[in-house]
Protein backbone atom coordinates (compact mmCIF):
# COMPACT_ATOMS: atom_id res chain seq x y z
CA MET A 1 -168.90 -106.35 -115.64
CA SER A 2 -168.65 -104.25 -118.77
CA THR A 3 -166.92 -105.64 -122.10
CA THR A 4 -162.98 -106.73 -121.42
CA GLU A 5 -162.04 -107.56 -124.73
CA GLY A 6 -159.59 -105.28 -126.18
CA GLN A 7 -155.50 -103.96 -125.48
CA VAL A 8 -153.91 -103.50 -122.36
CA LEU A 9 -150.48 -101.85 -121.63
CA GLU A 10 -148.93 -103.89 -118.33
CA PHE A 11 -146.56 -102.25 -116.02
CA GLU A 12 -144.81 -102.98 -112.83
CA LEU A 13 -145.20 -101.29 -109.73
CA GLY A 14 -142.64 -102.56 -106.61
CA GLU A 15 -143.10 -106.78 -107.29
CA GLU A 16 -146.63 -106.92 -108.80
CA THR A 17 -147.70 -106.01 -112.72
CA TYR A 18 -150.71 -103.62 -113.29
CA CYS A 19 -152.39 -102.80 -116.94
CA VAL A 20 -154.61 -100.41 -118.10
CA SER A 21 -156.71 -100.45 -121.38
CA ILE A 22 -154.13 -98.83 -124.23
CA ASP A 23 -157.40 -96.46 -125.20
CA TYR A 24 -156.36 -94.25 -122.27
CA VAL A 25 -152.47 -93.80 -122.86
CA THR A 26 -151.35 -91.22 -125.37
CA GLU A 27 -147.55 -91.98 -124.14
CA ILE A 28 -145.09 -93.66 -122.57
CA VAL A 29 -142.08 -91.38 -121.53
CA ASP A 30 -138.71 -91.24 -119.11
CA VAL A 31 -138.30 -89.61 -116.11
CA GLY A 32 -137.58 -86.64 -116.31
CA ASP A 33 -137.12 -83.41 -113.92
CA LEU A 34 -140.41 -82.89 -111.53
CA THR A 35 -141.21 -79.79 -109.94
CA THR A 36 -142.85 -80.44 -106.00
CA VAL A 37 -146.10 -79.02 -105.78
CA PRO A 38 -146.52 -77.51 -102.05
CA ASN A 39 -150.09 -78.94 -100.60
CA ALA A 40 -150.44 -81.28 -103.31
CA PRO A 41 -151.80 -84.29 -102.10
CA ARG A 42 -149.74 -87.27 -100.97
CA HIS A 43 -150.08 -89.25 -103.98
CA VAL A 44 -149.07 -86.03 -106.10
CA GLU A 45 -145.11 -86.55 -106.92
CA GLY A 46 -144.96 -82.77 -108.97
CA VAL A 47 -145.55 -81.88 -111.99
CA MET A 48 -143.28 -81.45 -115.34
CA ASP A 49 -143.78 -79.91 -119.01
CA LEU A 50 -144.53 -82.83 -121.40
CA ARG A 51 -144.92 -81.22 -125.01
CA GLY A 52 -145.55 -77.53 -123.77
CA ARG A 53 -148.71 -78.94 -121.26
CA THR A 54 -147.88 -78.94 -117.53
CA THR A 55 -148.41 -82.52 -116.18
CA SER A 56 -149.51 -83.76 -113.05
CA ILE A 57 -147.19 -86.69 -111.94
CA VAL A 58 -149.08 -88.91 -109.58
CA ASN A 59 -147.46 -92.17 -107.81
CA PRO A 60 -150.13 -94.71 -108.00
CA LYS A 61 -148.22 -96.89 -105.57
CA SER A 62 -149.47 -94.01 -102.82
CA VAL A 63 -153.31 -94.44 -104.55
CA PHE A 64 -153.08 -98.18 -104.14
CA GLY A 65 -151.16 -98.53 -101.23
CA ILE A 66 -148.01 -100.37 -102.26
CA GLY A 67 -144.54 -99.82 -100.06
CA ASP A 68 -142.14 -100.85 -102.53
CA GLY A 69 -139.83 -97.82 -103.33
CA GLY A 70 -138.91 -99.26 -106.42
CA ALA A 71 -137.07 -97.97 -109.81
CA GLU A 72 -139.84 -95.41 -110.81
CA GLN A 73 -137.88 -95.09 -114.30
CA ARG A 74 -140.98 -94.38 -116.66
CA ILE A 75 -144.16 -92.41 -117.08
CA ILE A 76 -147.42 -93.51 -118.41
CA VAL A 77 -149.71 -90.23 -119.95
CA PHE A 78 -152.97 -90.45 -119.94
CA ASP A 79 -155.84 -88.84 -122.45
CA PRO A 80 -156.56 -85.69 -120.88
CA GLU A 81 -160.05 -86.43 -121.44
CA ILE A 82 -160.35 -89.08 -119.32
CA ILE A 83 -159.92 -86.88 -116.36
CA GLU A 84 -162.43 -85.26 -114.99
CA ASP A 85 -160.81 -81.81 -115.11
CA GLN A 86 -159.45 -82.30 -118.52
CA SER A 87 -155.93 -81.83 -116.77
CA ALA A 88 -152.87 -83.75 -118.17
CA ALA A 89 -151.57 -86.58 -116.19
CA GLY A 90 -149.08 -89.44 -115.91
CA TRP A 91 -148.40 -92.14 -113.43
CA LEU A 92 -144.73 -92.92 -112.28
CA VAL A 93 -144.09 -96.64 -112.61
CA ASP A 94 -141.22 -98.76 -112.57
CA GLU A 95 -141.07 -100.27 -116.16
CA VAL A 96 -143.55 -100.85 -118.66
CA ASP A 97 -143.39 -104.21 -120.17
CA GLN A 98 -145.91 -104.88 -123.11
CA VAL A 99 -149.29 -104.48 -124.99
CA VAL A 100 -151.00 -107.64 -124.73
CA GLN A 101 -154.57 -108.64 -126.66
CA ILE A 102 -156.99 -109.91 -123.67
CA SER A 103 -160.10 -111.57 -123.46
CA ASP A 104 -163.41 -111.96 -121.42
CA GLU A 105 -162.18 -115.40 -120.89
CA GLN A 106 -158.94 -114.23 -119.24
CA VAL A 107 -160.55 -111.41 -116.58
CA ASP A 108 -162.03 -112.28 -113.17
CA ASP A 109 -163.66 -110.05 -111.19
CA SER A 110 -161.26 -108.36 -108.25
CA PRO A 111 -161.30 -110.65 -105.31
CA ALA A 112 -161.03 -107.73 -103.09
CA ALA A 113 -163.53 -105.47 -101.96
CA ASP A 114 -162.73 -102.36 -104.18
CA SER A 115 -165.59 -100.15 -103.46
CA ASP A 116 -164.44 -97.14 -105.65
CA GLY A 117 -164.27 -99.41 -108.28
CA SER A 118 -160.86 -98.69 -109.27
CA ILE A 119 -159.99 -102.30 -109.95
CA ARG A 120 -161.66 -103.81 -112.81
CA GLY A 121 -160.63 -107.07 -112.41
CA VAL A 122 -157.65 -109.44 -112.44
CA VAL A 123 -156.40 -110.88 -115.80
CA LYS A 124 -155.02 -114.11 -115.88
CA ARG A 125 -151.85 -115.07 -117.83
CA ASP A 126 -149.85 -118.72 -117.42
CA ASP A 127 -149.24 -118.65 -113.67
CA ASP A 128 -149.33 -114.77 -113.43
CA PHE A 129 -151.72 -112.77 -112.59
CA VAL A 130 -152.70 -108.77 -113.86
CA ILE A 131 -154.50 -106.15 -111.62
CA TRP A 132 -156.30 -104.24 -114.28
CA VAL A 133 -156.76 -100.86 -112.80
CA ASP A 134 -159.33 -97.91 -114.22
CA PRO A 135 -157.40 -94.64 -114.63
CA ARG A 136 -161.03 -92.56 -115.01
CA VAL A 137 -161.87 -93.73 -111.51
CA VAL A 138 -158.24 -93.09 -109.84
CA HIS A 139 -158.35 -89.97 -111.23
CA SER A 140 -161.75 -88.91 -110.29
CA ASN A 141 -161.18 -89.87 -106.95
């Protein structure tokens, strides 16, 4: 596993907490009007205009198989450089919690058989676990 020290952005999907490296995040915005795109993949909720750029909004609950509807009130916008085709993308999440510093000692390998590599590991924090996901892998699939 590569080095895991750094800051992560924690967010809620259903009843679980997830995180991504803060290096990939450009901004966090409230959910606005989404335009549905016909024949889009199931995980694409639609598109919206963010700072003059058409941004695809992905529902990570569909990607990770999370069934809970949840509040879905925030969008984490990712740096287009991490996405293979250099398009703008954001994730529809229930809530954004905080940015935290983590170290290698806090991260365990994912116990699940994660064949696509989208789960970087599980962050241990007090009595809670935070699932660390890699948006580069998610958007390359």
